[in-house]
Amino acid sequence: MSRQLAPVLVLVAAGLADAAGRHELASYLLLAAVPVIAAVALASYGDLVAGEGGSVGQTALWTIGLVFVTTTAALPSLGSAALAACLTLAGVQVALAASAELKSSK
């Protein structure tokens, strides 16, 4: 679960920067989020393929999130709407990861 926090933190920071009117900083944070999310998506896929507890849902959501972040970073005109979609996906990811941790701890 800890590796899933890094992309969420970068996305939240980008959202806060965008909300504060620091659009240039938000753009740079989104650029920084692309390799972070790609690494987490690949790690999630690797866990799934290796049978180490990966989830199809989490892997799919990270992949969709990567598409949204890449699109937002490449086309800043989409701005807030795509960033909101990324933050929504990150929230779903956090909920899925937390539920998986709770189930595995029982």
PDB file of N, CA and C in Angstrom:
ATOM      1  N   MET A   1       0.814  -1.189   0.000  1.00  0.00           N
ATOM      2  CA  MET A   1       0.000   0.000   0.000  1.00  0.00           C
ATOM      3  C   MET A   1       0.863   1.260   0.000  1.00  0.00           C
ATOM      4  N   SER A   2       2.050   1.202   0.556  1.00  0.00           N
ATOM      5  CA  SER A   2       2.876   2.406   0.652  1.00  0.00           C
ATOM      6  C   SER A   2       3.306   2.922  -0.714  1.00  0.00           C
ATOM      7  N   ARG A   3       3.509   2.038  -1.672  1.00  0.00           N
ATOM      8  CA  ARG A   3       3.916   2.526  -2.992  1.00  0.00           C
ATOM      9  C   ARG A   3       2.762   3.225  -3.703  1.00  0.00           C
ATOM     10  N   GLN A   4       1.542   2.984  -3.254  1.00  0.00           N
ATOM     11  CA  GLN A   4       0.394   3.640  -3.868  1.00  0.00           C
ATOM     12  C   GLN A   4       0.161   5.033  -3.308  1.00  0.00           C
ATOM     13  N   LEU A   5       0.850   5.380  -2.236  1.00  0.00           N
ATOM     14  CA  LEU A   5       0.673   6.702  -1.646  1.00  0.00           C
ATOM     15  C   LEU A   5       1.407   7.789  -2.426  1.00  0.00           C
ATOM     16  N   ALA A   6       2.542   7.463  -3.014  1.00  0.00           N
ATOM     17  CA  ALA A   6       3.337   8.471  -3.724  1.00  0.00           C
ATOM     18  C   ALA A   6       2.548   9.133  -4.857  1.00  0.00           C
ATOM     19  N   PRO A   7       1.909   8.364  -5.754  1.00  0.00           N
ATOM     20  CA  PRO A   7       1.162   9.042  -6.816  1.00  0.00           C
ATOM     21  C   PRO A   7      -0.032   9.830  -6.280  1.00  0.00           C
ATOM     22  N   VAL A   8      -0.651   9.322  -5.233  1.00  0.00           N
ATOM     23  CA  VAL A   8      -1.789  10.039  -4.659  1.00  0.00           C
ATOM     24  C   VAL A   8      -1.330  11.373  -4.081  1.00  0.00           C
ATOM     25  N   LEU A   9      -0.198  11.375  -3.393  1.00  0.00           N
ATOM     26  CA  LEU A   9       0.324  12.616  -2.824  1.00  0.00           C
ATOM     27  C   LEU A   9       0.676  13.629  -3.909  1.00  0.00           C
ATOM     28  N   VAL A  10       1.275  13.158  -5.012  1.00  0.00           N
ATOM     29  CA  VAL A  10       1.625  14.068  -6.105  1.00  0.00           C
ATOM     30  C   VAL A  10       0.357  14.636  -6.752  1.00  0.00           C
ATOM     31  N   LEU A  11      -0.662  13.802  -6.921  1.00  0.00           N
ATOM     32  CA  LEU A  11      -1.914  14.279  -7.512  1.00  0.00           C
ATOM     33  C   LEU A  11      -2.632  15.268  -6.603  1.00  0.00           C
ATOM     34  N   VAL A  12      -2.633  14.993  -5.309  1.00  0.00           N
ATOM     35  CA  VAL A  12      -3.266  15.918  -4.371  1.00  0.00           C
ATOM     36  C   VAL A  12      -2.519  17.254  -4.368  1.00  0.00           C
ATOM     37  N   ALA A  13      -1.188  17.188  -4.400  1.00  0.00           N
ATOM     38  CA  ALA A  13      -0.396  18.422  -4.455  1.00  0.00           C
ATOM     39  C   ALA A  13      -0.710  19.204  -5.731  1.00  0.00           C
ATOM     40  N   ALA A  14      -0.866  18.506  -6.852  1.00  0.00           N
ATOM     41  CA  ALA A  14      -1.217  19.178  -8.109  1.00  0.00           C
ATOM     42  C   ALA A  14      -2.598  19.806  -8.015  1.00  0.00           C
ATOM     43  N   GLY A  15      -3.528  19.103  -7.402  1.00  0.00           N
ATOM     44  CA  GLY A  15      -4.869  19.648  -7.228  1.00  0.00           C
ATOM     45  C   GLY A  15      -4.877  20.884  -6.349  1.00  0.00           C
ATOM     46  N   LEU A  16      -4.105  20.849  -5.261  1.00  0.00           N
ATOM     47  CA  LEU A  16      -4.015  22.009  -4.373  1.00  0.00           C
ATOM     48  C   LEU A  16      -3.355  23.191  -5.074  1.00  0.00           C
ATOM     49  N   ALA A  17      -2.314  22.910  -5.857  1.00  0.00           N
ATOM     50  CA  ALA A  17      -1.651  23.981  -6.602  1.00  0.00           C
ATOM     51  C   ALA A  17      -2.589  24.597  -7.625  1.00  0.00           C
ATOM     52  N   ASP A  18      -3.371  23.766  -8.294  1.00  0.00           N
ATOM     53  CA  ASP A  18      -4.323  24.263  -9.278  1.00  0.00           C
ATOM     54  C   ASP A  18      -5.412  25.095  -8.601  1.00  0.00           C
ATOM     55  N   ALA A  19      -5.883  24.625  -7.456  1.00  0.00           N
ATOM     56  CA  ALA A  19      -6.928  25.352  -6.727  1.00  0.00           C
ATOM     57  C   ALA A  19      -6.410  26.696  -6.206  1.00  0.00           C
ATOM     58  N   ALA A  20      -5.121  26.762  -5.907  1.00  0.00           N
ATOM     59  CA  ALA A  20      -4.527  28.004  -5.403  1.00  0.00           C
ATOM     60  C   ALA A  20      -4.153  28.966  -6.528  1.00  0.00           C
ATOM     61  N   GLY A  21      -4.417  28.572  -7.765  1.00  0.00           N
ATOM     62  CA  GLY A  21      -4.100  29.431  -8.894  1.00  0.00           C
ATOM     63  C   GLY A  21      -2.685  29.297  -9.401  1.00  0.00           C
ATOM     64  N   ARG A  22      -1.943  28.344  -8.899  1.00  0.00           N
ATOM     65  CA  ARG A  22      -0.562  28.098  -9.331  1.00  0.00           C
ATOM     66  C   ARG A  22      -0.574  27.040 -10.433  1.00  0.00           C
ATOM     67  N   HIS A  23      -1.106  27.397 -11.585  1.00  0.00           N
ATOM     68  CA  HIS A  23      -1.313  26.450 -12.668  1.00  0.00           C
ATOM     69  C   HIS A  23       0.001  25.904 -13.227  1.00  0.00           C
ATOM     70  N   GLU A  24       1.034  26.730 -13.238  1.00  0.00           N
ATOM     71  CA  GLU A  24       2.335  26.264 -13.738  1.00  0.00           C
ATOM     72  C   GLU A  24       2.902  25.185 -12.813  1.00  0.00           C
ATOM     73  N   LEU A  25       2.810  25.398 -11.511  1.00  0.00           N
ATOM     74  CA  LEU A  25       3.270  24.392 -10.552  1.00  0.00           C
ATOM     75  C   LEU A  25       2.452  23.113 -10.680  1.00  0.00           C
ATOM     76  N   ALA A  26       1.135  23.260 -10.848  1.00  0.00           N
ATOM     77  CA  ALA A  26       0.274  22.085 -11.031  1.00  0.00           C
ATOM     78  C   ALA A  26       0.679  21.310 -12.279  1.00  0.00           C
ATOM     79  N   SER A  27       1.030  22.018 -13.333  1.00  0.00           N
ATOM     80  CA  SER A  27       1.463  21.362 -14.569  1.00  0.00           C
ATOM     81  C   SER A  27       2.759  20.572 -14.354  1.00  0.00           C
ATOM     82  N   TYR A  28       3.701  21.171 -13.633  1.00  0.00           N
ATOM     83  CA  TYR A  28       4.956  20.462 -13.354  1.00  0.00           C
ATOM     84  C   TYR A  28       4.724  19.247 -12.458  1.00  0.00           C
ATOM     85  N   LEU A  29       3.830  19.378 -11.498  1.00  0.00           N
ATOM     86  CA  LEU A  29       3.522  18.235 -10.636  1.00  0.00           C
ATOM     87  C   LEU A  29       2.869  17.111 -11.426  1.00  0.00           C
ATOM     88  N   LEU A  30       2.028  17.465 -12.382  1.00  0.00           N
ATOM     89  CA  LEU A  30       1.420  16.427 -13.226  1.00  0.00           C
ATOM     90  C   LEU A  30       2.470  15.738 -14.095  1.00  0.00           C
ATOM     91  N   LEU A  31       3.432  16.520 -14.590  1.00  0.00           N
ATOM     92  CA  LEU A  31       4.525  15.893 -15.347  1.00  0.00           C
ATOM     93  C   LEU A  31       5.321  14.938 -14.460  1.00  0.00           C
ATOM     94  N   ALA A  32       5.535  15.321 -13.219  1.00  0.00           N
ATOM     95  CA  ALA A  32       6.253  14.453 -12.285  1.00  0.00           C
ATOM     96  C   ALA A  32       5.433  13.212 -11.940  1.00  0.00           C
ATOM     97  N   ALA A  33       4.116  13.326 -11.998  1.00  0.00           N
ATOM     98  CA  ALA A  33       3.251  12.196 -11.651  1.00  0.00           C
ATOM     99  C   ALA A  33       3.256  11.104 -12.714  1.00  0.00           C
ATOM    100  N   VAL A  34       3.568  11.447 -13.952  1.00  0.00           N
ATOM    101  CA  VAL A  34       3.508  10.451 -15.035  1.00  0.00           C
ATOM    102  C   VAL A  34       4.421   9.251 -14.762  1.00  0.00           C
ATOM    103  N   PRO A  35       5.729   9.425 -14.512  1.00  0.00           N
ATOM    104  CA  PRO A  35       6.549   8.239 -14.260  1.00  0.00           C
ATOM    105  C   PRO A  35       6.216   7.542 -12.936  1.00  0.00           C
ATOM    106  N   VAL A  36       5.755   8.313 -11.965  1.00  0.00           N
ATOM    107  CA  VAL A  36       5.390   7.706 -10.679  1.00  0.00           C
ATOM    108  C   VAL A  36       4.194   6.777 -10.852  1.00  0.00           C
ATOM    109  N   ILE A  37       3.178   7.249 -11.549  1.00  0.00           N
ATOM    110  CA  ILE A  37       1.990   6.422 -11.783  1.00  0.00           C
ATOM    111  C   ILE A  37       2.309   5.260 -12.711  1.00  0.00           C
ATOM    112  N   ALA A  38       3.157   5.496 -13.703  1.00  0.00           N
ATOM    113  CA  ALA A  38       3.552   4.396 -14.596  1.00  0.00           C
ATOM    114  C   ALA A  38       4.259   3.291 -13.811  1.00  0.00           C
ATOM    115  N   ALA A  39       5.134   3.667 -12.890  1.00  0.00           N
ATOM    116  CA  ALA A  39       5.840   2.668 -12.083  1.00  0.00           C
ATOM    117  C   ALA A  39       4.873   1.878 -11.211  1.00  0.00           C
ATOM    118  N   VAL A  40       3.907   2.565 -10.612  1.00  0.00           N
ATOM    119  CA  VAL A  40       2.939   1.871  -9.758  1.00  0.00           C
ATOM    120  C   VAL A  40       2.027   0.978 -10.593  1.00  0.00           C
ATOM    121  N   ALA A  41       1.634   1.442 -11.775  1.00  0.00           N
ATOM    122  CA  ALA A  41       0.795   0.616 -12.647  1.00  0.00           C
ATOM    123  C   ALA A  41       1.539  -0.647 -13.085  1.00  0.00           C
ATOM    124  N   LEU A  42       2.811  -0.497 -13.434  1.00  0.00           N
ATOM    125  CA  LEU A  42       3.601  -1.669 -13.831  1.00  0.00           C
ATOM    126  C   LEU A  42       3.832  -2.619 -12.658  1.00  0.00           C
ATOM    127  N   ALA A  43       4.063  -2.074 -11.479  1.00  0.00           N
ATOM    128  CA  ALA A  43       4.251  -2.919 -10.297  1.00  0.00           C
ATOM    129  C   ALA A  43       2.962  -3.664  -9.962  1.00  0.00           C
ATOM    130  N   SER A  44       1.838  -2.993 -10.108  1.00  0.00           N
ATOM    131  CA  SER A  44       0.546  -3.631  -9.859  1.00  0.00           C
ATOM    132  C   SER A  44       0.290  -4.752 -10.869  1.00  0.00           C
ATOM    133  N   TYR A  45       0.624  -4.490 -12.119  1.00  0.00           N
ATOM    134  CA  TYR A  45       0.483  -5.525 -13.149  1.00  0.00           C
ATOM    135  C   TYR A  45       1.428  -6.701 -12.869  1.00  0.00           C
ATOM    136  N   GLY A  46       2.651  -6.386 -12.450  1.00  0.00           N
ATOM    137  CA  GLY A  46       3.600  -7.451 -12.118  1.00  0.00           C
ATOM    138  C   GLY A  46       3.108  -8.318 -10.975  1.00  0.00           C
ATOM    139  N   ASP A  47       2.521  -7.689  -9.950  1.00  0.00           N
ATOM    140  CA  ASP A  47       1.945  -8.455  -8.845  1.00  0.00           C
ATOM    141  C   ASP A  47       0.816  -9.347  -9.324  1.00  0.00           C
ATOM    142  N   LEU A  48       0.016  -8.823 -10.228  1.00  0.00           N
ATOM    143  CA  LEU A  48      -1.108  -9.587 -10.765  1.00  0.00           C
ATOM    144  C   LEU A  48      -0.624 -10.797 -11.550  1.00  0.00           C
ATOM    145  N   VAL A  49       0.357 -10.598 -12.410  1.00  0.00           N
ATOM    146  CA  VAL A  49       0.867 -11.682 -13.245  1.00  0.00           C
ATOM    147  C   VAL A  49       1.601 -12.733 -12.402  1.00  0.00           C
ATOM    148  N   ALA A  50       2.348 -12.268 -11.404  1.00  0.00           N
ATOM    149  CA  ALA A  50       3.115 -13.187 -10.564  1.00  0.00           C
ATOM    150  C   ALA A  50       2.252 -13.878  -9.514  1.00  0.00           C
ATOM    151  N   GLY A  51       1.009 -13.451  -9.387  1.00  0.00           N
ATOM    152  CA  GLY A  51       0.134 -14.061  -8.396  1.00  0.00           C
ATOM    153  C   GLY A  51       0.472 -13.651  -6.976  1.00  0.00           C
ATOM    154  N   GLU A  52       0.980 -12.435  -6.813  1.00  0.00           N
ATOM    155  CA  GLU A  52       1.393 -11.957  -5.500  1.00  0.00           C
ATOM    156  C   GLU A  52       0.368 -10.998  -4.899  1.00  0.00           C
ATOM    157  N   GLY A  53      -0.888 -11.262  -5.135  1.00  0.00           N
ATOM    158  CA  GLY A  53      -1.932 -10.454  -4.521  1.00  0.00           C
ATOM    159  C   GLY A  53      -2.349  -9.242  -5.318  1.00  0.00           C
ATOM    160  N   GLY A  54      -1.979  -9.151  -6.571  1.00  0.00           N
ATOM    161  CA  GLY A  54      -2.403  -8.028  -7.394  1.00  0.00           C
ATOM    162  C   GLY A  54      -3.888  -8.109  -7.700  1.00  0.00           C
ATOM    163  N   SER A  55      -4.474  -6.978  -7.983  1.00  0.00           N
ATOM    164  CA  SER A  55      -5.893  -6.904  -8.276  1.00  0.00           C
ATOM    165  C   SER A  55      -6.099  -6.370  -9.691  1.00  0.00           C
ATOM    166  N   VAL A  56      -7.000  -6.993 -10.406  1.00  0.00           N
ATOM    167  CA  VAL A  56      -7.317  -6.537 -11.759  1.00  0.00           C
ATOM    168  C   VAL A  56      -7.894  -5.121 -11.707  1.00  0.00           C
ATOM    169  N   GLY A  57      -8.740  -4.870 -10.720  1.00  0.00           N
ATOM    170  CA  GLY A  57      -9.350  -3.554 -10.586  1.00  0.00           C
ATOM    171  C   GLY A  57      -8.331  -2.468 -10.333  1.00  0.00           C
ATOM    172  N   GLN A  58      -7.391  -2.730  -9.415  1.00  0.00           N
ATOM    173  CA  GLN A  58      -6.365  -1.726  -9.119  1.00  0.00           C
ATOM    174  C   GLN A  58      -5.469  -1.485 -10.321  1.00  0.00           C
ATOM    175  N   THR A  59      -5.092  -2.550 -11.008  1.00  0.00           N
ATOM    176  CA  THR A  59      -4.241  -2.400 -12.185  1.00  0.00           C
ATOM    177  C   THR A  59      -4.958  -1.591 -13.266  1.00  0.00           C
ATOM    178  N   ALA A  60      -6.235  -1.881 -13.481  1.00  0.00           N
ATOM    179  CA  ALA A  60      -7.003  -1.143 -14.486  1.00  0.00           C
ATOM    180  C   ALA A  60      -7.143   0.322 -14.101  1.00  0.00           C
ATOM    181  N   LEU A  61      -7.399   0.592 -12.813  1.00  0.00           N
ATOM    182  CA  LEU A  61      -7.546   1.987 -12.386  1.00  0.00           C
ATOM    183  C   LEU A  61      -6.239   2.758 -12.501  1.00  0.00           C
ATOM    184  N   TRP A  62      -5.111   2.117 -12.180  1.00  0.00           N
ATOM    185  CA  TRP A  62      -3.824   2.811 -12.342  1.00  0.00           C
ATOM    186  C   TRP A  62      -3.557   3.104 -13.807  1.00  0.00           C
ATOM    187  N   THR A  63      -3.931   2.177 -14.681  1.00  0.00           N
ATOM    188  CA  THR A  63      -3.727   2.388 -16.112  1.00  0.00           C
ATOM    189  C   THR A  63      -4.597   3.531 -16.630  1.00  0.00           C
ATOM    190  N   ILE A  64      -5.846   3.557 -16.213  1.00  0.00           N
ATOM    191  CA  ILE A  64      -6.734   4.651 -16.610  1.00  0.00           C
ATOM    192  C   ILE A  64      -6.220   5.971 -16.041  1.00  0.00           C
ATOM    193  N   GLY A  65      -5.765   5.935 -14.794  1.00  0.00           N
ATOM    194  CA  GLY A  65      -5.196   7.141 -14.185  1.00  0.00           C
ATOM    195  C   GLY A  65      -3.984   7.645 -14.945  1.00  0.00           C
ATOM    196  N   LEU A  66      -3.160   6.706 -15.417  1.00  0.00           N
ATOM    197  CA  LEU A  66      -1.982   7.093 -16.202  1.00  0.00           C
ATOM    198  C   LEU A  66      -2.400   7.794 -17.494  1.00  0.00           C
ATOM    199  N   VAL A  67      -3.446   7.287 -18.129  1.00  0.00           N
ATOM    200  CA  VAL A  67      -3.948   7.920 -19.352  1.00  0.00           C
ATOM    201  C   VAL A  67      -4.455   9.333 -19.047  1.00  0.00           C
ATOM    202  N   PHE A  68      -5.204   9.486 -17.957  1.00  0.00           N
ATOM    203  CA  PHE A  68      -5.716  10.808 -17.589  1.00  0.00           C
ATOM    204  C   PHE A  68      -4.587  11.785 -17.273  1.00  0.00           C
ATOM    205  N   VAL A  69      -3.613  11.333 -16.502  1.00  0.00           N
ATOM    206  CA  VAL A  69      -2.512  12.230 -16.120  1.00  0.00           C
ATOM    207  C   VAL A  69      -1.685  12.613 -17.342  1.00  0.00           C
ATOM    208  N   THR A  70      -1.413  11.657 -18.202  1.00  0.00           N
ATOM    209  CA  THR A  70      -0.646  11.949 -19.408  1.00  0.00           C
ATOM    210  C   THR A  70      -1.401  12.930 -20.300  1.00  0.00           C
ATOM    211  N   THR A  71      -2.696  12.725 -20.435  1.00  0.00           N
ATOM    212  CA  THR A  71      -3.521  13.626 -21.241  1.00  0.00           C
ATOM    213  C   THR A  71      -3.550  15.023 -20.642  1.00  0.00           C
ATOM    214  N   THR A  72      -3.704  15.104 -19.322  1.00  0.00           N
ATOM    215  CA  THR A  72      -3.743  16.406 -18.660  1.00  0.00           C
ATOM    216  C   THR A  72      -2.410  17.130 -18.779  1.00  0.00           C
ATOM    217  N   ALA A  73      -1.310  16.378 -18.636  1.00  0.00           N
ATOM    218  CA  ALA A  73       0.010  17.005 -18.744  1.00  0.00           C
ATOM    219  C   ALA A  73       0.285  17.459 -20.179  1.00  0.00           C
ATOM    220  N   ALA A  74      -0.204  16.693 -21.154  1.00  0.00           N
ATOM    221  CA  ALA A  74       0.057  17.026 -22.551  1.00  0.00           C
ATOM    222  C   ALA A  74      -0.870  18.124 -23.070  1.00  0.00           C
ATOM    223  N   LEU A  75      -2.089  18.166 -22.570  1.00  0.00           N
ATOM    224  CA  LEU A  75      -3.077  19.134 -23.035  1.00  0.00           C
ATOM    225  C   LEU A  75      -3.581  19.953 -21.853  1.00  0.00           C
ATOM    226  N   PRO A  76      -2.850  20.969 -21.471  1.00  0.00           N
ATOM    227  CA  PRO A  76      -3.248  21.758 -20.298  1.00  0.00           C
ATOM    228  C   PRO A  76      -4.621  22.419 -20.432  1.00  0.00           C
ATOM    229  N   SER A  77      -5.141  22.506 -21.647  1.00  0.00           N
ATOM    230  CA  SER A  77      -6.458  23.120 -21.824  1.00  0.00           C
ATOM    231  C   SER A  77      -7.560  22.288 -21.165  1.00  0.00           C
ATOM    232  N   LEU A  78      -7.307  20.991 -20.976  1.00  0.00           N
ATOM    233  CA  LEU A  78      -8.285  20.147 -20.283  1.00  0.00           C
ATOM    234  C   LEU A  78      -8.299  20.452 -18.791  1.00  0.00           C
ATOM    235  N   GLY A  79      -7.149  20.857 -18.295  1.00  0.00           N
ATOM    236  CA  GLY A  79      -6.970  21.353 -16.940  1.00  0.00           C
ATOM    237  C   GLY A  79      -7.741  20.689 -15.835  1.00  0.00           C
ATOM    238  N   SER A  80      -8.624  21.444 -15.242  1.00  0.00           N
ATOM    239  CA  SER A  80      -9.272  21.058 -13.992  1.00  0.00           C
ATOM    240  C   SER A  80     -10.157  19.824 -14.125  1.00  0.00           C
ATOM    241  N   ALA A  81     -10.827  19.659 -15.249  1.00  0.00           N
ATOM    242  CA  ALA A  81     -11.720  18.511 -15.401  1.00  0.00           C
ATOM    243  C   ALA A  81     -10.946  17.199 -15.377  1.00  0.00           C
ATOM    244  N   ALA A  82      -9.853  17.124 -16.106  1.00  0.00           N
ATOM    245  CA  ALA A  82      -9.055  15.901 -16.121  1.00  0.00           C
ATOM    246  C   ALA A  82      -8.352  15.691 -14.788  1.00  0.00           C
ATOM    247  N   LEU A  83      -7.932  16.778 -14.151  1.00  0.00           N
ATOM    248  CA  LEU A  83      -7.306  16.656 -12.832  1.00  0.00           C
ATOM    249  C   LEU A  83      -8.316  16.147 -11.815  1.00  0.00           C
ATOM    250  N   ALA A  84      -9.558  16.601 -11.907  1.00  0.00           N
ATOM    251  CA  ALA A  84     -10.611  16.102 -11.015  1.00  0.00           C
ATOM    252  C   ALA A  84     -10.850  14.617 -11.245  1.00  0.00           C
ATOM    253  N   ALA A  85     -10.806  14.188 -12.500  1.00  0.00           N
ATOM    254  CA  ALA A  85     -10.959  12.752 -12.795  1.00  0.00           C
ATOM    255  C   ALA A  85      -9.806  11.950 -12.210  1.00  0.00           C
ATOM    256  N   CYS A  86      -8.597  12.486 -12.295  1.00  0.00           N
ATOM    257  CA  CYS A  86      -7.429  11.812 -11.712  1.00  0.00           C
ATOM    258  C   CYS A  86      -7.557  11.703 -10.203  1.00  0.00           C
ATOM    259  N   LEU A  87      -8.002  12.775  -9.567  1.00  0.00           N
ATOM    260  CA  LEU A  87      -8.169  12.751  -8.120  1.00  0.00           C
ATOM    261  C   LEU A  87      -9.275  11.787  -7.700  1.00  0.00           C
ATOM    262  N   THR A  88     -10.328  11.688  -8.493  1.00  0.00           N
ATOM    263  CA  THR A  88     -11.393  10.726  -8.208  1.00  0.00           C
ATOM    264  C   THR A  88     -10.872   9.304  -8.299  1.00  0.00           C
ATOM    265  N   LEU A  89     -10.106   9.012  -9.352  1.00  0.00           N
ATOM    266  CA  LEU A  89      -9.516   7.683  -9.480  1.00  0.00           C
ATOM    267  C   LEU A  89      -8.561   7.385  -8.331  1.00  0.00           C
ATOM    268  N   ALA A  90      -7.811   8.391  -7.907  1.00  0.00           N
ATOM    269  CA  ALA A  90      -6.901   8.200  -6.776  1.00  0.00           C
ATOM    270  C   ALA A  90      -7.687   7.883  -5.510  1.00  0.00           C
ATOM    271  N   GLY A  91      -8.812   8.542  -5.319  1.00  0.00           N
ATOM    272  CA  GLY A  91      -9.660   8.245  -4.159  1.00  0.00           C
ATOM    273  C   GLY A  91     -10.195   6.833  -4.187  1.00  0.00           C
ATOM    274  N   VAL A  92     -10.609   6.377  -5.352  1.00  0.00           N
ATOM    275  CA  VAL A  92     -11.077   4.992  -5.494  1.00  0.00           C
ATOM    276  C   VAL A  92      -9.937   4.029  -5.198  1.00  0.00           C
ATOM    277  N   GLN A  93      -8.739   4.349  -5.677  1.00  0.00           N
ATOM    278  CA  GLN A  93      -7.571   3.513  -5.422  1.00  0.00           C
ATOM    279  C   GLN A  93      -7.280   3.411  -3.929  1.00  0.00           C
ATOM    280  N   VAL A  94      -7.355   4.540  -3.248  1.00  0.00           N
ATOM    281  CA  VAL A  94      -7.100   4.534  -1.805  1.00  0.00           C
ATOM    282  C   VAL A  94      -8.134   3.662  -1.097  1.00  0.00           C
ATOM    283  N   ALA A  95      -9.389   3.773  -1.495  1.00  0.00           N
ATOM    284  CA  ALA A  95     -10.435   2.957  -0.877  1.00  0.00           C
ATOM    285  C   ALA A  95     -10.205   1.468  -1.145  1.00  0.00           C
ATOM    286  N   LEU A  96      -9.835   1.120  -2.372  1.00  0.00           N
ATOM    287  CA  LEU A  96      -9.561  -0.287  -2.694  1.00  0.00           C
ATOM    288  C   LEU A  96      -8.357  -0.815  -1.927  1.00  0.00           C
ATOM    289  N   ALA A  97      -7.305  -0.019  -1.850  1.00  0.00           N
ATOM    290  CA  ALA A  97      -6.104  -0.453  -1.134  1.00  0.00           C
ATOM    291  C   ALA A  97      -6.383  -0.606   0.355  1.00  0.00           C
ATOM    292  N   ALA A  98      -7.140   0.325   0.915  1.00  0.00           N
ATOM    293  CA  ALA A  98      -7.465   0.228   2.343  1.00  0.00           C
ATOM    294  C   ALA A  98      -8.324  -0.991   2.639  1.00  0.00           C
ATOM    295  N   SER A  99      -9.289  -1.275   1.771  1.00  0.00           N
ATOM    296  CA  SER A  99     -10.130  -2.453   1.995  1.00  0.00           C
ATOM    297  C   SER A  99      -9.326  -3.741   1.843  1.00  0.00           C
ATOM    298  N   ALA A 100      -8.388  -3.757   0.913  1.00  0.00           N
ATOM    299  CA  ALA A 100      -7.541  -4.942   0.748  1.00  0.00           C
ATOM    300  C   ALA A 100      -6.652  -5.143   1.968  1.00  0.00           C
ATOM    301  N   GLU A 101      -6.116  -4.052   2.512  1.00  0.00           N
ATOM    302  CA  GLU A 101      -5.274  -4.146   3.725  1.00  0.00           C
ATOM    303  C   GLU A 101      -6.092  -4.635   4.910  1.00  0.00           C
ATOM    304  N   LEU A 102      -7.310  -4.138   5.044  1.00  0.00           N
ATOM    305  CA  LEU A 102      -8.163  -4.570   6.156  1.00  0.00           C
ATOM    306  C   LEU A 102      -8.529  -6.038   6.046  1.00  0.00           C
ATOM    307  N   LYS A 103      -8.797  -6.499   4.824  1.00  0.00           N
ATOM    308  CA  LYS A 103      -9.129  -7.909   4.626  1.00  0.00           C
ATOM    309  C   LYS A 103      -7.941  -8.813   4.911  1.00  0.00           C
ATOM    310  N   SER A 104      -6.743  -8.373   4.518  1.00  0.00           N
ATOM    311  CA  SER A 104      -5.554  -9.210   4.715  1.00  0.00           C
ATOM    312  C   SER A 104      -5.101  -9.220   6.160  1.00  0.00           C
ATOM    313  N   SER A 105      -5.467  -8.209   6.940  1.00  0.00           N
ATOM    314  CA  SER A 105      -5.049  -8.173   8.343  1.00  0.00           C
ATOM    315  C   SER A 105      -5.948  -9.027   9.229  1.00  0.00           C
ATOM    316  N   LYS A 106      -7.083  -9.459   8.732  1.00  0.00           N
ATOM    317  CA  LYS A 106      -7.998 -10.281   9.541  1.00  0.00           C
ATOM    318  C   LYS A 106      -7.616 -11.728   9.522  1.00  0.00           C
TER     319      LYS A 106
END
